[in-house]
């Protein structure tokens, strides 16, 4: 992300398995501007739980928009600016354009066929879902969705976290369902709840 953005805070989530052998801070190849917050998770509870930590941390900092990026993704130079512009035009959830690193290979063709990198378009041009490897979320929209009953409830256990359940106190934000302990379409389920709660999901691609 070096040189990709001039404002905002980068929240780096470190699961337990990533720092089990060292207590030192992660090495950063070049400075990230203007700030990096490292959250060392006590246990690896999966990507849904990690994203919730990031969402809630960003909300506590007063963020208005959160951008999600996976560790194995390389953002374009204008990625942050494009996502912020898309959110300014139509707040909600925005999926960016993601290109497989090896197009034409079996893995690349799988991503293209099943929409795992760019989601699936609805007849009205919106997205049915957007993968969280390239996703931005307007926090005001997620708060509204939570108020409409689409959120996962915050757990009160010492482990923290959040989960989807009925009869629980409402959450501050629409959150990912932490019952998905591995990368297993938890972002699709998140987007389904967002759409049902009235959050628009659209593609930020220019084409």
Protein backbone atom coordinates (compact mmCIF):
# COMPACT_ATOMS: atom_id res chain seq x y z
CA UNK A 1 0.00 0.00 0.00
CA UNK A 2 3.03 2.27 -0.04
CA UNK A 3 2.15 5.57 -1.67
CA UNK A 4 -1.41 4.45 -2.42
CA UNK A 5 -3.20 6.93 -0.16
CA UNK A 6 -2.58 10.25 1.55
CA UNK A 7 -5.24 10.05 4.25
CA UNK A 8 -6.92 7.58 6.52
CA UNK A 9 -5.68 4.85 8.81
CA UNK A 10 -4.55 1.37 7.78
CA UNK A 11 -5.61 -1.35 10.22
CA UNK A 12 -3.43 -4.45 9.92
CA UNK A 13 -4.97 -7.56 11.48
CA UNK A 14 -2.51 -10.22 12.64
CA UNK A 15 -4.07 -13.61 13.50
CA UNK A 16 -2.41 -15.66 16.23
CA UNK A 17 -0.74 -17.99 13.71
CA UNK A 18 0.99 -15.04 12.06
CA UNK A 19 2.82 -13.88 15.18
CA UNK A 20 3.07 -17.03 17.26
CA UNK A 21 6.84 -17.25 16.96
CA UNK A 22 7.73 -13.60 17.47
CA UNK A 23 6.61 -10.75 19.68
CA UNK A 24 8.23 -8.17 17.42
CA UNK A 25 6.16 -5.80 15.32
CA UNK A 26 5.62 -6.92 11.72
CA UNK A 27 8.18 -5.59 9.28
CA UNK A 28 6.84 -3.03 6.83
CA UNK A 29 8.80 -2.61 3.60
CA UNK A 30 8.03 1.10 3.37
CA UNK A 31 6.08 3.62 5.46
CA UNK A 32 2.30 3.58 5.21
CA UNK A 33 0.70 7.00 5.35
CA UNK A 34 -0.44 8.40 7.56
CA UNK A 35 -0.89 5.73 10.25
CA UNK A 36 -0.90 1.99 10.72
CA UNK A 37 -2.67 0.30 13.61
CA UNK A 38 -1.68 -3.32 14.22
CA UNK A 39 -4.24 -5.51 15.97
CA UNK A 40 -2.76 -8.79 17.18
CA UNK A 41 -5.64 -11.22 17.52
CA UNK A 42 -5.34 -13.64 20.48
CA UNK A 43 -6.66 -16.50 18.39
CA UNK A 44 -7.27 -17.17 14.72
CA UNK A 45 -11.06 -17.26 14.54
CA UNK A 46 -11.22 -16.84 10.78
CA UNK A 47 -11.57 -13.97 8.29
CA UNK A 48 -15.09 -12.99 9.35
CA UNK A 49 -13.97 -12.35 12.94
CA UNK A 50 -10.89 -10.47 11.75
CA UNK A 51 -12.95 -8.20 9.52
CA UNK A 52 -15.29 -7.46 12.41
CA UNK A 53 -12.34 -6.39 14.54
CA UNK A 54 -11.29 -4.04 11.76
CA UNK A 55 -14.82 -2.68 11.26
CA UNK A 56 -15.33 -1.94 14.93
CA UNK A 57 -11.85 -0.45 15.31
CA UNK A 58 -12.48 1.84 12.34
CA UNK A 59 -15.87 2.86 13.73
CA UNK A 60 -14.26 3.69 17.08
CA UNK A 61 -11.80 5.95 15.26
CA UNK A 62 -14.66 7.82 13.63
CA UNK A 63 -14.19 6.45 10.13
CA UNK A 64 -16.95 6.95 7.59
CA UNK A 65 -15.75 4.40 5.02
CA UNK A 66 -13.85 1.12 5.45
CA UNK A 67 -11.95 -0.57 2.62
CA UNK A 68 -11.26 -4.30 2.79
CA UNK A 69 -8.22 -5.86 1.11
CA UNK A 70 -6.81 -9.38 1.40
CA UNK A 71 -3.14 -10.07 2.07
CA UNK A 72 -2.74 -11.74 -1.33
CA UNK A 73 -4.14 -8.79 -3.31
CA UNK A 74 -2.18 -5.96 -4.92
CA UNK A 75 -4.22 -2.74 -5.11
CA UNK A 76 -3.95 -0.34 -8.02
CA UNK A 77 -2.39 3.07 -7.43
CA UNK A 78 -5.80 4.78 -7.50
CA UNK A 79 -7.68 2.10 -5.53
CA UNK A 80 -8.35 4.16 -2.41
CA UNK A 81 -9.33 7.27 -4.37
CA UNK A 82 -11.63 5.27 -6.65
CA UNK A 83 -13.36 3.57 -3.74
CA UNK A 84 -13.88 6.85 -1.88
CA UNK A 85 -15.27 8.48 -5.03
CA UNK A 86 -17.68 5.57 -5.53
CA UNK A 87 -18.86 5.83 -1.93
CA UNK A 88 -19.32 9.59 -2.23
CA UNK A 89 -21.48 9.05 -5.32
CA UNK A 90 -23.63 6.28 -3.80
CA UNK A 91 -22.97 5.21 -0.18
CA UNK A 92 -23.38 1.54 0.68
CA UNK A 93 -21.24 -1.42 -0.34
CA UNK A 94 -18.99 -1.15 -3.40
CA UNK A 95 -17.09 -3.99 -5.01
CA UNK A 96 -13.98 -3.11 -6.98
CA UNK A 97 -12.64 -4.74 -10.13
CA UNK A 98 -10.38 -7.68 -9.31
CA UNK A 99 -8.25 -9.49 -11.88
CA UNK A 100 -6.85 -12.96 -11.29
CA UNK A 101 -3.06 -12.96 -11.08
CA UNK A 102 -2.92 -15.84 -13.57
CA UNK A 103 -5.79 -15.44 -16.02
CA UNK A 104 -6.43 -18.41 -18.27
CA UNK A 105 -5.29 -20.94 -15.68
CA UNK A 106 -7.80 -23.33 -14.07
CA UNK A 107 -7.88 -21.18 -10.92
CA UNK A 108 -8.32 -17.98 -12.91
CA UNK A 109 -11.13 -19.49 -15.00
CA UNK A 110 -12.82 -20.75 -11.83
CA UNK A 111 -12.84 -17.22 -10.41
CA UNK A 112 -14.26 -15.83 -13.64
CA UNK A 113 -16.95 -18.52 -13.92
CA UNK A 114 -18.19 -18.36 -10.35
CA UNK A 115 -17.76 -14.65 -9.66
CA UNK A 116 -15.55 -15.19 -6.64
CA UNK A 117 -13.47 -12.11 -7.47
CA UNK A 118 -16.06 -9.70 -8.84
CA UNK A 119 -19.43 -10.87 -7.59
CA UNK A 120 -22.54 -11.31 -9.69
CA UNK A 121 -24.68 -8.59 -11.24
CA UNK A 122 -28.43 -8.39 -10.68
CA UNK A 123 -30.78 -7.48 -13.58
CA UNK A 124 -30.88 -3.86 -12.38
CA UNK A 125 -27.09 -3.57 -12.65
CA UNK A 126 -26.41 -3.74 -8.92
CA UNK A 127 -24.34 -6.53 -7.40
CA UNK A 128 -25.90 -9.51 -5.67
CA UNK A 129 -22.71 -9.69 -3.63
CA UNK A 130 -19.13 -8.42 -3.69
CA UNK A 131 -16.11 -10.36 -2.43
CA UNK A 132 -14.39 -8.91 0.61
CA UNK A 133 -10.95 -9.04 -1.03
CA UNK A 134 -11.89 -5.78 -2.80
CA UNK A 135 -14.78 -4.17 -0.97
CA UNK A 136 -15.64 -0.82 0.60
CA UNK A 137 -18.37 -0.17 3.12
CA UNK A 138 -20.05 3.03 4.22
CA UNK A 139 -20.38 2.80 8.00
CA UNK A 140 -23.53 4.91 8.15
CA UNK A 141 -25.16 2.37 5.82
CA UNK A 142 -24.01 -0.50 8.05
CA UNK A 143 -25.43 1.28 11.11
CA UNK A 144 -28.76 1.71 9.36
CA UNK A 145 -28.74 -1.95 8.39
CA UNK A 146 -28.06 -2.95 12.00
CA UNK A 147 -30.98 -0.83 13.16
CA UNK A 148 -33.21 -2.67 10.69
CA UNK A 149 -32.30 -5.99 12.25
CA UNK A 150 -29.73 -7.28 9.77
CA UNK A 151 -26.75 -7.26 12.12
CA UNK A 152 -24.85 -9.94 13.93
CA UNK A 153 -24.97 -9.48 17.69
CA UNK A 154 -21.90 -8.65 19.72
CA UNK A 155 -20.82 -11.48 22.01
CA UNK A 156 -20.13 -10.85 25.69
CA UNK A 157 -17.63 -13.67 26.12
CA UNK A 158 -14.02 -12.98 27.07
CA UNK A 159 -12.99 -13.94 23.55
CA UNK A 160 -15.02 -11.03 22.16
CA UNK A 161 -16.17 -11.19 18.59
CA UNK A 162 -19.62 -11.26 17.07
CA UNK A 163 -22.08 -13.79 15.81
CA UNK A 164 -25.46 -13.93 14.11
CA UNK A 165 -28.18 -14.94 16.52
CA UNK A 166 -31.80 -14.22 17.27
CA UNK A 167 -33.02 -12.59 20.43
CA UNK A 168 -29.71 -10.82 21.13
CA UNK A 169 -29.05 -7.16 21.72
CA UNK A 170 -28.69 -5.23 18.46
CA UNK A 171 -25.17 -4.62 17.22
CA UNK A 172 -23.70 -1.24 16.35
CA UNK A 173 -22.95 -2.26 12.78
CA UNK A 174 -23.87 -4.89 10.26
CA UNK A 175 -21.10 -7.43 10.94
CA UNK A 176 -19.78 -10.60 9.36
CA UNK A 177 -21.09 -13.88 10.74
CA UNK A 178 -18.27 -15.41 12.78
CA UNK A 179 -19.75 -18.89 12.61
CA UNK A 180 -17.82 -18.97 9.32
CA UNK A 181 -14.48 -20.02 10.82
CA UNK A 182 -12.74 -20.27 7.44
CA UNK A 183 -12.97 -18.42 4.14
CA UNK A 184 -16.22 -20.04 3.05
CA UNK A 185 -18.46 -17.43 1.35
CA UNK A 186 -18.92 -15.45 4.55
CA UNK A 187 -18.71 -12.30 2.41
CA UNK A 188 -21.58 -13.54 0.24
CA UNK A 189 -23.73 -14.13 3.32
CA UNK A 190 -22.79 -10.68 4.64
CA UNK A 191 -23.89 -9.08 1.37
CA UNK A 192 -27.16 -11.03 1.35
CA UNK A 193 -28.04 -9.64 4.78
CA UNK A 194 -26.97 -6.17 3.67
CA UNK A 195 -29.26 -6.28 0.62
CA UNK A 196 -32.16 -7.52 2.74
CA UNK A 197 -31.57 -4.63 5.15
CA UNK A 198 -31.68 -2.11 2.30
CA UNK A 199 -27.97 -1.49 1.74
CA UNK A 200 -27.20 -0.97 -1.96
CA UNK A 201 -24.35 -3.02 -3.41
CA UNK A 202 -22.84 -1.83 -6.65
CA UNK A 203 -19.84 -2.38 -8.82
CA UNK A 204 -17.20 0.32 -8.79
CA UNK A 205 -15.76 -0.73 -12.15
CA UNK A 206 -15.78 1.76 -14.98
CA UNK A 207 -16.97 -0.93 -17.43
